[in-house]
N, C-alpha and C. Protein backbone atom coordinates (compact mmCIF):
# COMPACT_ATOMS: atom_id res chain seq x y z
N MET A 1 119.86 -60.43 93.00
CA MET A 1 120.20 -61.63 93.87
C MET A 1 120.18 -61.11 95.13
N ILE A 2 119.64 -61.85 96.51
CA ILE A 2 120.07 -61.23 97.67
C ILE A 2 121.19 -62.11 98.17
N LYS A 3 122.25 -61.41 98.45
CA LYS A 3 123.54 -62.46 98.67
C LYS A 3 123.53 -62.31 100.38
N ILE A 4 123.52 -63.43 101.01
CA ILE A 4 123.30 -63.62 102.57
C ILE A 4 124.78 -63.81 102.98
N LEU A 5 125.21 -63.46 104.12
CA LEU A 5 126.16 -63.82 105.02
C LEU A 5 125.88 -64.19 106.29
N ILE A 6 126.25 -65.50 106.57
CA ILE A 6 125.52 -66.24 107.64
C ILE A 6 126.92 -66.16 108.90
N THR A 7 126.63 -65.78 109.90
CA THR A 7 127.65 -66.04 111.16
C THR A 7 126.98 -66.51 112.27
N ASP A 8 127.42 -67.86 112.37
CA ASP A 8 127.03 -68.70 113.46
C ASP A 8 127.81 -69.74 113.66
N ASP A 9 128.23 -69.98 115.12
CA ASP A 9 129.35 -70.91 115.46
C ASP A 9 128.89 -72.50 115.74
N HIS A 10 127.30 -72.62 115.12
CA HIS A 10 127.11 -74.06 115.19
C HIS A 10 126.87 -74.55 113.79
N ALA A 11 127.58 -75.60 113.20
CA ALA A 11 127.68 -76.06 112.08
C ALA A 11 126.24 -76.69 111.40
N VAL A 12 125.59 -76.95 112.31
CA VAL A 12 124.32 -77.51 112.10
C VAL A 12 123.20 -76.42 111.67
N VAL A 13 123.29 -75.43 112.34
CA VAL A 13 122.64 -74.36 112.35
C VAL A 13 122.88 -73.80 110.65
N ARG A 14 124.38 -73.50 110.36
CA ARG A 14 124.60 -72.94 109.09
C ARG A 14 124.02 -74.03 108.05
N ARG A 15 124.15 -75.28 108.05
CA ARG A 15 123.69 -76.13 107.24
C ARG A 15 122.08 -76.08 107.02
N GLY A 16 121.39 -75.90 108.09
CA GLY A 16 120.09 -75.70 107.96
C GLY A 16 119.65 -74.57 107.28
N LEU A 17 120.47 -73.69 107.36
CA LEU A 17 120.26 -72.16 106.72
C LEU A 17 120.35 -72.26 105.24
N ARG A 18 121.49 -73.09 104.97
CA ARG A 18 121.95 -73.40 103.67
C ARG A 18 120.71 -74.07 102.85
N GLN A 19 120.00 -74.96 103.59
CA GLN A 19 118.96 -75.84 102.96
C GLN A 19 117.53 -74.76 102.63
N ILE A 20 117.23 -74.02 103.70
CA ILE A 20 116.36 -73.28 103.67
C ILE A 20 116.57 -72.08 102.59
N ILE A 21 117.86 -71.58 102.19
CA ILE A 21 118.06 -70.44 101.60
C ILE A 21 118.07 -71.16 100.23
N GLY A 22 118.51 -72.48 99.91
CA GLY A 22 118.67 -73.05 98.54
C GLY A 22 117.60 -73.36 97.91
N ASP A 23 116.47 -73.33 98.70
CA ASP A 23 115.04 -73.24 98.06
C ASP A 23 114.32 -72.21 97.45
N VAL A 24 115.19 -70.94 97.73
CA VAL A 24 114.49 -69.62 97.46
C VAL A 24 115.47 -69.23 96.39
N SER A 25 114.62 -68.88 94.95
CA SER A 25 115.25 -68.60 93.77
C SER A 25 116.11 -67.20 93.59
N ASP A 26 115.79 -66.34 94.59
CA ASP A 26 116.48 -64.89 94.73
C ASP A 26 117.43 -64.67 95.63
N MET A 27 117.63 -65.80 96.44
CA MET A 27 118.63 -65.70 97.43
C MET A 27 119.78 -66.59 97.74
N VAL A 28 120.94 -66.40 97.83
CA VAL A 28 121.92 -67.05 98.16
C VAL A 28 122.92 -66.86 99.18
N ILE A 29 123.53 -67.96 99.66
CA ILE A 29 124.41 -67.91 100.86
C ILE A 29 125.61 -67.58 100.20
N ALA A 30 126.02 -66.23 100.55
CA ALA A 30 127.44 -66.03 99.59
C ALA A 30 128.58 -65.97 100.69
N GLY A 31 128.50 -66.34 101.70
CA GLY A 31 129.51 -66.43 102.66
C GLY A 31 129.17 -67.07 104.11
N GLU A 32 130.01 -67.88 104.70
CA GLU A 32 129.73 -68.53 106.12
C GLU A 32 131.01 -68.19 107.02
N ALA A 33 130.58 -67.73 108.20
CA ALA A 33 131.54 -67.71 109.08
C ALA A 33 131.05 -68.23 110.42
N GLU A 34 132.08 -68.76 111.29
CA GLU A 34 131.65 -69.53 112.76
C GLU A 34 132.33 -68.47 113.79
N ASN A 35 132.74 -67.45 113.50
CA ASN A 35 132.93 -66.51 114.76
C ASN A 35 133.27 -64.96 114.21
N ALA A 36 133.48 -64.15 115.02
CA ALA A 36 133.60 -62.72 114.55
C ALA A 36 134.78 -62.43 113.78
N THR A 37 136.01 -62.91 113.88
CA THR A 37 137.07 -62.84 113.05
C THR A 37 136.93 -63.16 111.45
N GLU A 38 136.32 -64.53 111.39
CA GLU A 38 135.97 -64.92 110.10
C GLU A 38 134.88 -64.01 109.52
N MET A 39 134.01 -63.52 110.15
CA MET A 39 132.86 -62.61 109.71
C MET A 39 133.46 -61.30 109.21
N LEU A 40 134.23 -60.61 110.09
CA LEU A 40 134.92 -59.32 109.57
C LEU A 40 135.77 -59.46 108.30
N GLU A 41 136.56 -60.66 108.44
CA GLU A 41 137.42 -61.03 107.07
C GLU A 41 136.55 -61.06 105.94
N LEU A 42 135.41 -61.70 106.05
CA LEU A 42 134.69 -61.90 104.69
C LEU A 42 133.81 -60.40 104.21
N LEU A 43 133.63 -59.88 105.35
CA LEU A 43 133.08 -58.39 105.15
C LEU A 43 133.98 -57.51 104.43
N SER A 44 135.26 -57.66 104.66
CA SER A 44 136.27 -56.88 103.88
C SER A 44 136.46 -57.37 102.63
N LYS A 45 136.03 -58.52 102.21
CA LYS A 45 136.49 -58.94 100.70
C LYS A 45 135.28 -58.62 99.95
N GLN A 46 134.14 -58.85 100.44
CA GLN A 46 133.02 -58.47 99.29
C GLN A 46 131.81 -57.71 99.96
N ASP A 47 130.92 -57.34 99.07
CA ASP A 47 129.58 -56.73 99.57
C ASP A 47 128.59 -57.79 99.77
N TYR A 48 127.59 -57.84 100.89
CA TYR A 48 126.51 -58.43 101.08
C TYR A 48 125.36 -57.86 101.06
N SER A 49 124.25 -58.24 101.03
CA SER A 49 123.04 -57.69 101.04
C SER A 49 122.41 -57.92 102.35
N VAL A 50 122.73 -58.63 103.06
CA VAL A 50 122.27 -58.97 104.50
C VAL A 50 123.31 -59.65 105.40
N LEU A 51 123.29 -59.50 106.72
CA LEU A 51 124.06 -60.27 107.52
C LEU A 51 123.11 -61.08 108.48
N VAL A 52 122.99 -62.25 108.57
CA VAL A 52 122.27 -63.14 109.46
C VAL A 52 123.17 -63.46 110.53
N LEU A 53 123.16 -63.06 111.83
CA LEU A 53 124.05 -63.13 113.02
C LEU A 53 123.40 -63.70 114.27
N ASP A 54 124.12 -64.75 114.44
CA ASP A 54 123.96 -65.29 115.87
C ASP A 54 124.64 -64.56 116.77
N ILE A 55 124.25 -63.91 117.85
CA ILE A 55 124.75 -63.01 118.69
C ILE A 55 125.56 -63.62 119.96
N SER A 56 125.10 -65.13 120.04
CA SER A 56 125.81 -65.86 121.32
C SER A 56 127.14 -66.53 120.92
N LEU A 57 128.03 -65.84 120.13
CA LEU A 57 129.34 -66.25 119.68
C LEU A 57 130.19 -66.22 120.61
N PRO A 58 131.21 -66.95 120.74
CA PRO A 58 132.37 -66.88 121.39
C PRO A 58 133.24 -65.46 121.60
N GLY A 59 133.51 -65.40 122.87
CA GLY A 59 134.29 -64.08 123.01
C GLY A 59 133.39 -62.78 123.54
N ARG A 60 133.37 -61.72 122.78
CA ARG A 60 133.03 -60.68 123.18
C ARG A 60 131.23 -60.61 123.20
N SER A 61 130.59 -59.67 123.83
CA SER A 61 129.05 -59.71 123.71
C SER A 61 128.41 -59.72 122.41
N GLY A 62 127.33 -59.89 122.09
CA GLY A 62 126.61 -59.80 120.88
C GLY A 62 126.40 -58.45 120.75
N PHE A 63 126.37 -57.36 121.39
CA PHE A 63 126.17 -55.93 121.24
C PHE A 63 127.22 -55.40 120.64
N ASP A 64 128.36 -55.93 121.01
CA ASP A 64 129.71 -55.51 120.36
C ASP A 64 129.84 -55.89 118.94
N PHE A 65 129.44 -57.01 118.72
CA PHE A 65 129.45 -57.90 117.33
C PHE A 65 128.59 -56.65 116.46
N VAL A 66 127.42 -56.48 116.96
CA VAL A 66 126.52 -55.52 115.98
C VAL A 66 127.00 -54.11 115.74
N SER A 67 127.76 -53.71 116.89
CA SER A 67 128.36 -52.35 116.57
C SER A 67 129.25 -52.39 115.88
N GLN A 68 130.18 -53.32 115.87
CA GLN A 68 131.34 -53.45 114.90
C GLN A 68 131.13 -53.63 113.69
N VAL A 69 130.14 -54.34 113.32
CA VAL A 69 129.69 -54.35 112.04
C VAL A 69 129.14 -53.11 111.52
N LYS A 70 128.47 -52.47 112.16
CA LYS A 70 127.97 -51.12 111.78
C LYS A 70 129.02 -50.16 111.53
N THR A 71 130.23 -50.33 112.19
CA THR A 71 131.38 -49.59 112.08
C THR A 71 131.96 -49.75 110.66
N VAL A 72 132.31 -51.03 110.39
CA VAL A 72 132.93 -51.40 109.06
C VAL A 72 131.95 -51.70 108.01
N SER A 73 130.59 -51.70 108.07
CA SER A 73 129.52 -51.58 107.01
C SER A 73 128.28 -51.11 107.56
N PRO A 74 128.32 -49.73 107.59
CA PRO A 74 127.37 -48.89 107.93
C PRO A 74 125.88 -49.30 107.41
N GLU A 75 125.82 -49.49 106.15
CA GLU A 75 124.59 -49.73 105.41
C GLU A 75 124.25 -51.29 105.28
N LEU A 76 124.93 -52.13 106.01
CA LEU A 76 124.64 -53.40 105.89
C LEU A 76 123.35 -53.90 106.92
N PRO A 77 122.60 -54.33 106.24
CA PRO A 77 121.14 -54.94 107.16
C PRO A 77 121.80 -55.84 108.21
N ILE A 78 121.44 -56.25 109.28
CA ILE A 78 121.86 -57.20 110.34
C ILE A 78 120.32 -57.72 110.78
N LEU A 79 120.21 -59.08 110.28
CA LEU A 79 119.28 -59.70 111.14
C LEU A 79 119.70 -60.58 112.31
N VAL A 80 119.27 -60.37 113.48
CA VAL A 80 119.81 -61.04 114.52
C VAL A 80 119.05 -62.50 114.76
N TYR A 81 119.58 -63.49 114.53
CA TYR A 81 118.97 -64.98 114.70
C TYR A 81 119.33 -65.66 115.70
N THR A 82 118.65 -65.67 116.54
CA THR A 82 119.13 -66.50 118.05
C THR A 82 118.12 -67.10 118.78
N VAL A 83 118.69 -67.75 119.78
CA VAL A 83 117.75 -68.53 120.68
C VAL A 83 116.92 -67.87 121.55
N HIS A 84 117.66 -66.64 122.06
CA HIS A 84 117.29 -65.68 123.14
C HIS A 84 115.88 -65.09 122.86
N PRO A 85 115.11 -65.04 123.71
CA PRO A 85 113.59 -64.54 123.59
C PRO A 85 113.71 -63.11 123.31
N GLU A 86 112.71 -62.70 122.58
CA GLU A 86 112.67 -61.22 122.17
C GLU A 86 112.62 -60.38 123.16
N ASP A 87 111.89 -60.62 124.16
CA ASP A 87 111.82 -59.78 125.33
C ASP A 87 112.93 -59.36 126.17
N GLN A 88 113.92 -60.19 126.03
CA GLN A 88 115.26 -60.12 126.64
C GLN A 88 116.24 -59.26 126.11
N PHE A 89 116.53 -59.16 124.78
CA PHE A 89 117.30 -58.46 123.95
C PHE A 89 117.08 -57.64 122.82
N ALA A 90 115.85 -57.88 122.12
CA ALA A 90 115.51 -57.16 120.95
C ALA A 90 115.77 -55.88 120.96
N VAL A 91 115.14 -55.21 121.89
CA VAL A 91 115.18 -53.55 121.77
C VAL A 91 116.55 -53.19 121.86
N ARG A 92 117.24 -53.79 122.61
CA ARG A 92 118.82 -53.41 123.01
C ARG A 92 119.49 -53.66 121.70
N MET A 93 118.99 -54.76 120.94
CA MET A 93 119.82 -55.12 119.57
C MET A 93 119.60 -53.99 118.67
N LEU A 94 118.27 -53.85 118.53
CA LEU A 94 117.66 -52.59 117.58
C LEU A 94 118.65 -51.39 117.84
N LYS A 95 118.68 -50.89 119.16
CA LYS A 95 119.26 -49.71 119.33
C LYS A 95 120.82 -49.79 119.12
N ALA A 96 121.38 -50.95 119.26
CA ALA A 96 122.77 -51.30 118.63
C ALA A 96 123.04 -51.40 117.31
N GLY A 97 122.09 -51.15 116.30
CA GLY A 97 122.08 -51.11 115.03
C GLY A 97 121.50 -52.20 114.09
N ALA A 98 120.88 -53.36 114.88
CA ALA A 98 120.26 -54.34 114.07
C ALA A 98 119.22 -53.97 113.51
N SER A 99 118.68 -54.47 112.32
CA SER A 99 117.64 -54.09 111.56
C SER A 99 116.53 -54.99 111.84
N GLY A 100 116.74 -56.30 112.45
CA GLY A 100 115.67 -57.06 112.68
C GLY A 100 116.18 -58.20 113.87
N TYR A 101 115.04 -58.85 114.45
CA TYR A 101 115.48 -59.82 115.39
C TYR A 101 114.35 -60.86 115.26
N LEU A 102 114.83 -62.32 115.07
CA LEU A 102 114.07 -63.38 114.83
C LEU A 102 114.94 -64.56 115.62
N THR A 103 113.91 -65.22 116.68
CA THR A 103 114.38 -66.31 117.30
C THR A 103 114.24 -67.69 116.41
N LYS A 104 115.24 -68.60 116.64
CA LYS A 104 115.55 -69.79 116.07
C LYS A 104 114.27 -70.72 115.99
N ASP A 105 113.20 -70.49 116.82
CA ASP A 105 111.96 -71.43 116.85
C ASP A 105 111.00 -71.19 115.96
N LYS A 106 111.28 -69.92 115.16
CA LYS A 106 110.28 -69.78 113.94
C LYS A 106 110.51 -70.45 112.64
N PRO A 107 109.34 -70.84 112.26
CA PRO A 107 109.41 -71.83 110.94
C PRO A 107 110.31 -70.96 109.85
N PRO A 108 110.72 -71.80 108.78
CA PRO A 108 111.52 -71.27 107.80
C PRO A 108 111.05 -70.13 107.05
N GLU A 109 109.51 -70.11 106.55
CA GLU A 109 109.19 -69.01 105.78
C GLU A 109 109.06 -67.64 106.45
N GLU A 110 109.35 -67.52 107.96
CA GLU A 110 109.47 -66.45 108.74
C GLU A 110 110.85 -65.86 108.55
N LEU A 111 111.75 -66.91 108.62
CA LEU A 111 113.03 -66.46 108.22
C LEU A 111 113.27 -65.58 106.81
N ILE A 112 112.63 -66.25 106.00
CA ILE A 112 112.79 -65.70 104.65
C ILE A 112 112.02 -64.26 104.33
N LYS A 113 110.89 -64.15 105.27
CA LYS A 113 110.38 -63.04 105.36
C LYS A 113 111.11 -61.86 105.99
N ALA A 114 111.73 -62.28 107.07
CA ALA A 114 112.43 -61.13 107.80
C ALA A 114 113.58 -60.95 106.93
N ILE A 115 114.44 -61.90 106.15
CA ILE A 115 115.54 -61.45 105.29
C ILE A 115 114.89 -60.21 104.31
N ARG A 116 113.76 -60.67 103.66
CA ARG A 116 113.23 -59.64 102.60
C ARG A 116 112.91 -58.42 103.26
N LYS A 117 112.45 -58.10 104.63
CA LYS A 117 112.19 -57.20 104.95
C LYS A 117 113.11 -56.30 105.35
N VAL A 118 114.35 -56.87 105.88
CA VAL A 118 115.43 -55.80 106.30
C VAL A 118 116.22 -55.64 105.11
N VAL A 119 116.37 -56.27 104.11
CA VAL A 119 117.05 -56.07 102.80
C VAL A 119 116.05 -55.00 102.13
N SER A 120 114.96 -54.85 102.31
CA SER A 120 114.26 -53.85 101.56
C SER A 120 114.04 -52.30 102.51
N GLY A 121 115.20 -52.35 103.49
CA GLY A 121 115.26 -51.32 104.13
C GLY A 121 114.32 -50.96 105.47
N GLY A 122 113.44 -52.10 105.83
CA GLY A 122 112.70 -52.21 107.05
C GLY A 122 113.31 -52.80 108.11
N ARG A 123 112.39 -52.63 109.32
CA ARG A 123 112.70 -53.48 110.34
C ARG A 123 111.98 -54.73 110.73
N TYR A 124 112.84 -55.83 111.27
CA TYR A 124 111.61 -57.02 111.33
C TYR A 124 111.62 -57.26 112.78
N VAL A 125 110.51 -57.34 113.80
CA VAL A 125 110.27 -57.94 114.84
C VAL A 125 109.18 -58.71 114.73
N SER A 126 108.81 -59.33 116.00
CA SER A 126 107.63 -59.97 115.95
C SER A 126 106.18 -58.88 116.07
N ALA A 127 105.20 -59.44 115.82
CA ALA A 127 103.90 -58.40 115.83
C ALA A 127 103.70 -57.87 117.10
N ALA A 128 103.97 -58.50 118.01
CA ALA A 128 103.64 -58.25 119.35
C ALA A 128 104.48 -56.95 119.83
N LEU A 129 105.94 -57.20 119.41
CA LEU A 129 106.93 -56.11 119.79
C LEU A 129 106.68 -54.96 118.81
N GLY A 130 106.17 -55.28 117.66
CA GLY A 130 106.13 -54.14 116.65
C GLY A 130 104.74 -53.27 116.93
N GLU A 131 103.86 -53.86 117.78
CA GLU A 131 102.86 -52.88 118.26
C GLU A 131 103.31 -52.34 119.22
N GLN A 132 104.10 -52.81 120.21
CA GLN A 132 104.73 -51.85 121.24
C GLN A 132 105.55 -50.63 120.80
N LEU A 133 106.19 -51.25 119.89
CA LEU A 133 107.10 -50.09 119.16
C LEU A 133 106.35 -48.88 118.75
N ALA A 134 105.37 -49.23 117.98
CA ALA A 134 104.23 -48.56 117.39
C ALA A 134 103.83 -47.54 118.07
N LEU A 135 103.51 -47.89 119.36
CA LEU A 135 102.96 -47.11 120.53
C LEU A 135 103.86 -46.48 121.27
N GLY A 136 105.17 -46.41 120.80
CA GLY A 136 106.07 -45.55 121.67
C GLY A 136 106.91 -46.04 122.77
N LEU A 137 106.49 -47.54 122.94
CA LEU A 137 107.21 -48.28 124.23
C LEU A 137 108.42 -48.58 124.14
N GLY A 138 109.08 -48.53 122.85
CA GLY A 138 110.30 -48.94 122.60
C GLY A 138 111.44 -48.59 123.33
N GLN A 139 111.48 -46.99 123.81
CA GLN A 139 112.36 -46.76 124.31
C GLN A 139 112.69 -47.25 125.81
N ASP A 140 111.91 -47.52 126.38
CA ASP A 140 112.01 -48.15 127.72
C ASP A 140 110.96 -49.40 127.79
N LEU A 141 111.12 -50.46 127.12
CA LEU A 141 110.29 -51.55 126.98
C LEU A 141 110.00 -52.17 127.91
N ALA A 142 111.14 -52.81 128.58
CA ALA A 142 111.04 -54.10 129.71
C ALA A 142 110.44 -53.46 130.91
N ARG A 143 111.11 -52.21 131.26
CA ARG A 143 110.45 -51.71 132.38
C ARG A 143 111.09 -52.41 133.59
N LEU A 144 112.20 -53.29 133.21
CA LEU A 144 112.98 -53.90 134.47
C LEU A 144 114.22 -53.13 134.63
N PRO A 145 114.90 -53.18 135.63
CA PRO A 145 116.02 -52.47 136.02
C PRO A 145 117.21 -52.56 134.90
N HIS A 146 117.50 -53.46 134.51
CA HIS A 146 118.74 -53.53 133.78
C HIS A 146 118.40 -52.95 132.31
N GLU A 147 117.25 -52.71 132.04
CA GLU A 147 116.75 -51.62 130.79
C GLU A 147 117.04 -50.39 130.96
N THR A 148 117.32 -50.11 132.28
CA THR A 148 117.60 -48.57 132.43
C THR A 148 119.27 -48.36 132.00
N LEU A 149 120.07 -49.26 131.95
CA LEU A 149 121.28 -49.37 131.76
C LEU A 149 121.88 -48.79 130.16
N ALA A 150 122.80 -48.03 130.31
CA ALA A 150 123.27 -47.73 129.07
C ALA A 150 124.17 -48.89 128.41
N HIS A 151 124.42 -48.89 127.22
CA HIS A 151 125.26 -49.99 126.68
C HIS A 151 126.47 -50.56 127.29
N ARG A 152 127.18 -49.45 127.82
CA ARG A 152 128.50 -50.09 128.29
C ARG A 152 128.44 -50.36 129.70
N GLU A 153 127.43 -49.81 130.36
CA GLU A 153 127.10 -50.34 132.05
C GLU A 153 126.38 -51.53 131.84
N PHE A 154 125.64 -52.03 131.09
CA PHE A 154 125.10 -53.48 130.73
C PHE A 154 126.40 -54.29 130.51
N GLN A 155 127.20 -54.11 129.39
CA GLN A 155 128.18 -54.90 129.21
C GLN A 155 129.03 -55.20 130.34
N ILE A 156 129.49 -54.13 131.21
CA ILE A 156 130.10 -54.49 132.34
C ILE A 156 129.41 -55.04 133.40
N MET A 157 128.23 -54.85 133.60
CA MET A 157 127.40 -55.74 134.59
C MET A 157 127.61 -57.20 134.01
N GLN A 158 127.42 -57.28 132.60
CA GLN A 158 127.64 -58.81 132.39
C GLN A 158 128.84 -59.38 132.75
N LEU A 159 130.06 -58.79 132.36
CA LEU A 159 131.44 -59.26 132.54
C LEU A 159 131.65 -59.14 134.22
N ILE A 160 131.08 -58.51 134.94
CA ILE A 160 131.20 -58.70 136.52
C ILE A 160 130.60 -60.03 137.12
N VAL A 161 129.34 -60.20 136.33
CA VAL A 161 128.64 -61.43 136.86
C VAL A 161 129.10 -62.56 136.42
N LEU A 162 129.95 -62.55 135.48
CA LEU A 162 130.73 -63.59 134.91
C LEU A 162 131.97 -63.99 135.68
N GLY A 163 132.16 -63.13 136.67
CA GLY A 163 133.25 -63.32 137.50
C GLY A 163 134.52 -62.58 137.08
N ARG A 164 134.52 -61.92 135.96
CA ARG A 164 135.54 -60.83 135.69
C ARG A 164 136.10 -59.86 136.79
N MET A 165 137.43 -59.68 136.94
CA MET A 165 138.03 -58.73 137.72
C MET A 165 138.26 -57.57 137.07
N THR A 166 138.07 -56.30 137.91
CA THR A 166 137.85 -55.08 137.16
C THR A 166 139.02 -55.01 136.25
N LYS A 167 140.49 -55.26 136.66
CA LYS A 167 141.43 -54.95 135.96
C LYS A 167 141.39 -55.66 134.57
N ASP A 168 140.88 -56.97 134.61
CA ASP A 168 140.69 -57.88 133.43
C ASP A 168 139.67 -57.08 132.63
N ILE A 169 138.45 -56.65 133.05
CA ILE A 169 137.48 -56.01 132.36
C ILE A 169 138.28 -54.77 131.54
N ALA A 170 139.05 -53.76 132.48
CA ALA A 170 139.39 -52.95 131.55
C ALA A 170 140.27 -53.24 130.57
N LYS A 171 141.19 -54.15 130.60
CA LYS A 171 141.99 -54.47 129.73
C LYS A 171 141.26 -55.10 128.48
N GLU A 172 140.41 -55.77 128.72
CA GLU A 172 139.41 -56.37 127.34
C GLU A 172 138.85 -55.33 126.75
N LEU A 173 138.30 -54.56 127.67
CA LEU A 173 137.42 -53.31 126.61
C LEU A 173 138.24 -52.02 126.30
N CYS A 174 139.76 -52.16 126.76
CA CYS A 174 140.50 -50.92 126.47
C CYS A 174 140.06 -49.72 127.05
N LEU A 175 139.65 -49.80 128.58
CA LEU A 175 139.39 -48.91 129.37
C LEU A 175 140.25 -48.69 130.60
N SER A 176 140.32 -47.64 131.36
CA SER A 176 140.96 -47.60 132.48
C SER A 176 140.25 -48.54 133.54
N VAL A 177 140.87 -48.86 134.65
CA VAL A 177 140.16 -49.55 135.80
C VAL A 177 139.27 -48.19 136.49
N LYS A 178 139.62 -47.06 136.47
CA LYS A 178 138.68 -46.01 137.15
C LYS A 178 137.73 -45.95 136.40
N THR A 179 137.64 -46.10 134.90
CA THR A 179 136.44 -45.82 134.28
C THR A 179 135.47 -47.02 134.31
N VAL A 180 136.11 -48.26 134.42
CA VAL A 180 135.20 -49.37 134.68
C VAL A 180 134.33 -49.45 136.07
N SER A 181 135.37 -48.87 136.98
CA SER A 181 134.63 -48.84 138.41
C SER A 181 133.50 -47.69 138.39
N THR A 182 133.69 -46.92 137.39
CA THR A 182 132.71 -45.54 137.54
C THR A 182 131.32 -46.25 136.75
N TYR A 183 131.51 -47.31 135.59
CA TYR A 183 130.14 -47.69 134.96
C TYR A 183 129.84 -48.57 136.03
N ARG A 184 130.58 -49.41 136.75
CA ARG A 184 130.16 -50.32 137.91
C ARG A 184 129.10 -49.63 138.85
N ALA A 185 129.53 -48.28 139.44
CA ALA A 185 128.85 -47.68 140.13
C ALA A 185 127.47 -47.08 139.81
N ARG A 186 127.72 -46.69 138.52
CA ARG A 186 126.49 -46.33 137.73
C ARG A 186 125.48 -47.40 137.86
N ALA A 187 125.96 -48.68 137.15
CA ALA A 187 125.02 -49.64 137.01
C ALA A 187 124.31 -50.17 138.31
N LEU A 188 125.03 -50.16 139.46
CA LEU A 188 124.90 -50.64 140.91
C LEU A 188 123.53 -49.52 141.22
N LYS A 189 123.82 -48.29 140.90
CA LYS A 189 122.91 -47.05 141.14
C LYS A 189 121.74 -47.27 140.81
N LYS A 190 121.56 -47.55 139.32
CA LYS A 190 120.31 -47.57 138.59
C LYS A 190 119.52 -48.60 139.05
N MET A 191 120.16 -49.64 139.17
CA MET A 191 119.40 -50.91 139.54
C MET A 191 119.38 -51.05 140.96
N LYS A 192 119.65 -49.81 141.84
CA LYS A 192 119.32 -49.94 143.24
C LYS A 192 119.74 -51.22 144.01
N MET A 193 121.15 -51.55 143.70
CA MET A 193 121.98 -52.43 144.45
C MET A 193 123.14 -52.03 144.72
N LYS A 194 124.12 -52.86 145.87
CA LYS A 194 125.15 -52.40 146.34
C LYS A 194 126.26 -53.56 146.20
N THR A 195 125.94 -54.60 145.76
CA THR A 195 127.23 -55.58 145.65
C THR A 195 126.96 -56.20 144.24
N ASN A 196 128.11 -56.87 143.99
CA ASN A 196 128.14 -57.69 142.65
C ASN A 196 127.71 -58.97 142.83
N SER A 197 127.16 -59.47 144.20
CA SER A 197 126.37 -60.74 144.31
C SER A 197 125.18 -60.30 144.10
N GLU A 198 124.43 -59.00 144.38
CA GLU A 198 123.35 -59.09 143.97
C GLU A 198 122.84 -58.77 142.54
N LEU A 199 123.98 -58.18 141.68
CA LEU A 199 124.13 -58.07 140.37
C LEU A 199 124.11 -59.59 139.64
N THR A 200 124.78 -60.60 140.36
CA THR A 200 124.87 -61.87 139.92
C THR A 200 123.56 -62.46 139.94
N ARG A 201 123.01 -62.33 141.21
CA ARG A 201 121.56 -63.08 141.28
C ARG A 201 120.53 -62.80 140.52
N TYR A 202 120.65 -61.38 140.19
CA TYR A 202 119.68 -60.82 139.35
C TYR A 202 119.75 -61.09 137.68
N ALA A 203 121.13 -61.19 137.40
CA ALA A 203 121.32 -61.75 135.78
C ALA A 203 120.88 -63.07 135.80
N ILE A 204 121.25 -64.02 136.73
CA ILE A 204 120.73 -65.50 136.56
C ILE A 204 119.09 -65.47 136.63
N LYS A 205 118.45 -64.86 137.38
CA LYS A 205 117.02 -64.58 137.51
C LYS A 205 116.42 -64.40 136.17
N HIS A 206 117.21 -63.34 135.41
CA HIS A 206 116.45 -62.85 134.16
C HIS A 206 117.31 -63.16 133.09
N ASN A 207 118.19 -64.31 133.17
CA ASN A 207 119.08 -64.94 132.01
C ASN A 207 119.92 -63.91 131.19
N LEU A 208 120.56 -63.12 131.81
CA LEU A 208 121.47 -62.05 131.30
C LEU A 208 122.57 -62.20 131.06
N LEU A 209 122.96 -63.29 131.17
CA LEU A 209 124.72 -63.70 130.84
C LEU A 209 125.01 -63.71 129.67
N THR A 210 124.13 -63.91 128.72
CA THR A 210 124.37 -63.97 127.38
C THR A 210 123.45 -63.26 126.44
N PRO A 211 123.56 -62.74 125.43
CA PRO A 211 124.77 -62.60 124.61
C PRO A 211 125.44 -61.46 125.23
C-alpha cells in the first residue's frame, strides 16, 4: 500500500486529493497537514511512501520546505504539487531534493502516474522538461538571470523584493547581517543590477515572489 502524506493549506485541495486517491486500490491518504509545522510533526510519528507537497505554504519558501524534509526524511520521495508553472520553479525544486513536479491543472490520472513514478524511485516531470533534462540542459535550464543564482542568493532576493529589511532577513534565516549583505551583493552582480528596485521589477515581471 502506498501511504501518502498531503501538505496543502487549502482544505478544498486536500478534499479533492482524498477523492482522487480514494478511487485507487493500492493508495491511501495516511496523513494530512495544512502547514510545515504539522507536516514535520506527522513525519516524526510514522513513515510514509511519498509526500505530496504544495510549496506555496505560509511562512518560509518552498525551497526551504523541500530541504527541511530531506534533512529529516532523506529517503522520502517528494512530489511538488503546485499552481506555479514548471518553467518557473521545477528545476530548482528538483535540485533542492524533490522527486517530481506536477501542476494542479493536470488531470487526476496524471497525479496518480506521478505518485507511482516517484515512489518507484524515478523522477516525474512533464515530457517537455524531461526531454530538456535528457539533453543535459537541466543544469542551466531557463537561461534567465535568476536561474544563475545559488539557492541562498535566490531566497534572499525573494525576501528583499517582499520588502524585508536586511536585519529582519538575517534574523529569519539565522545569518549575520554581513552575510545577508554579501548574498545580496552576489545576486545583484549575477543579475547585472544595482538596486533593490531593479530586483523588485524583475521579480514581479517573472512572477518570482512565491514560492
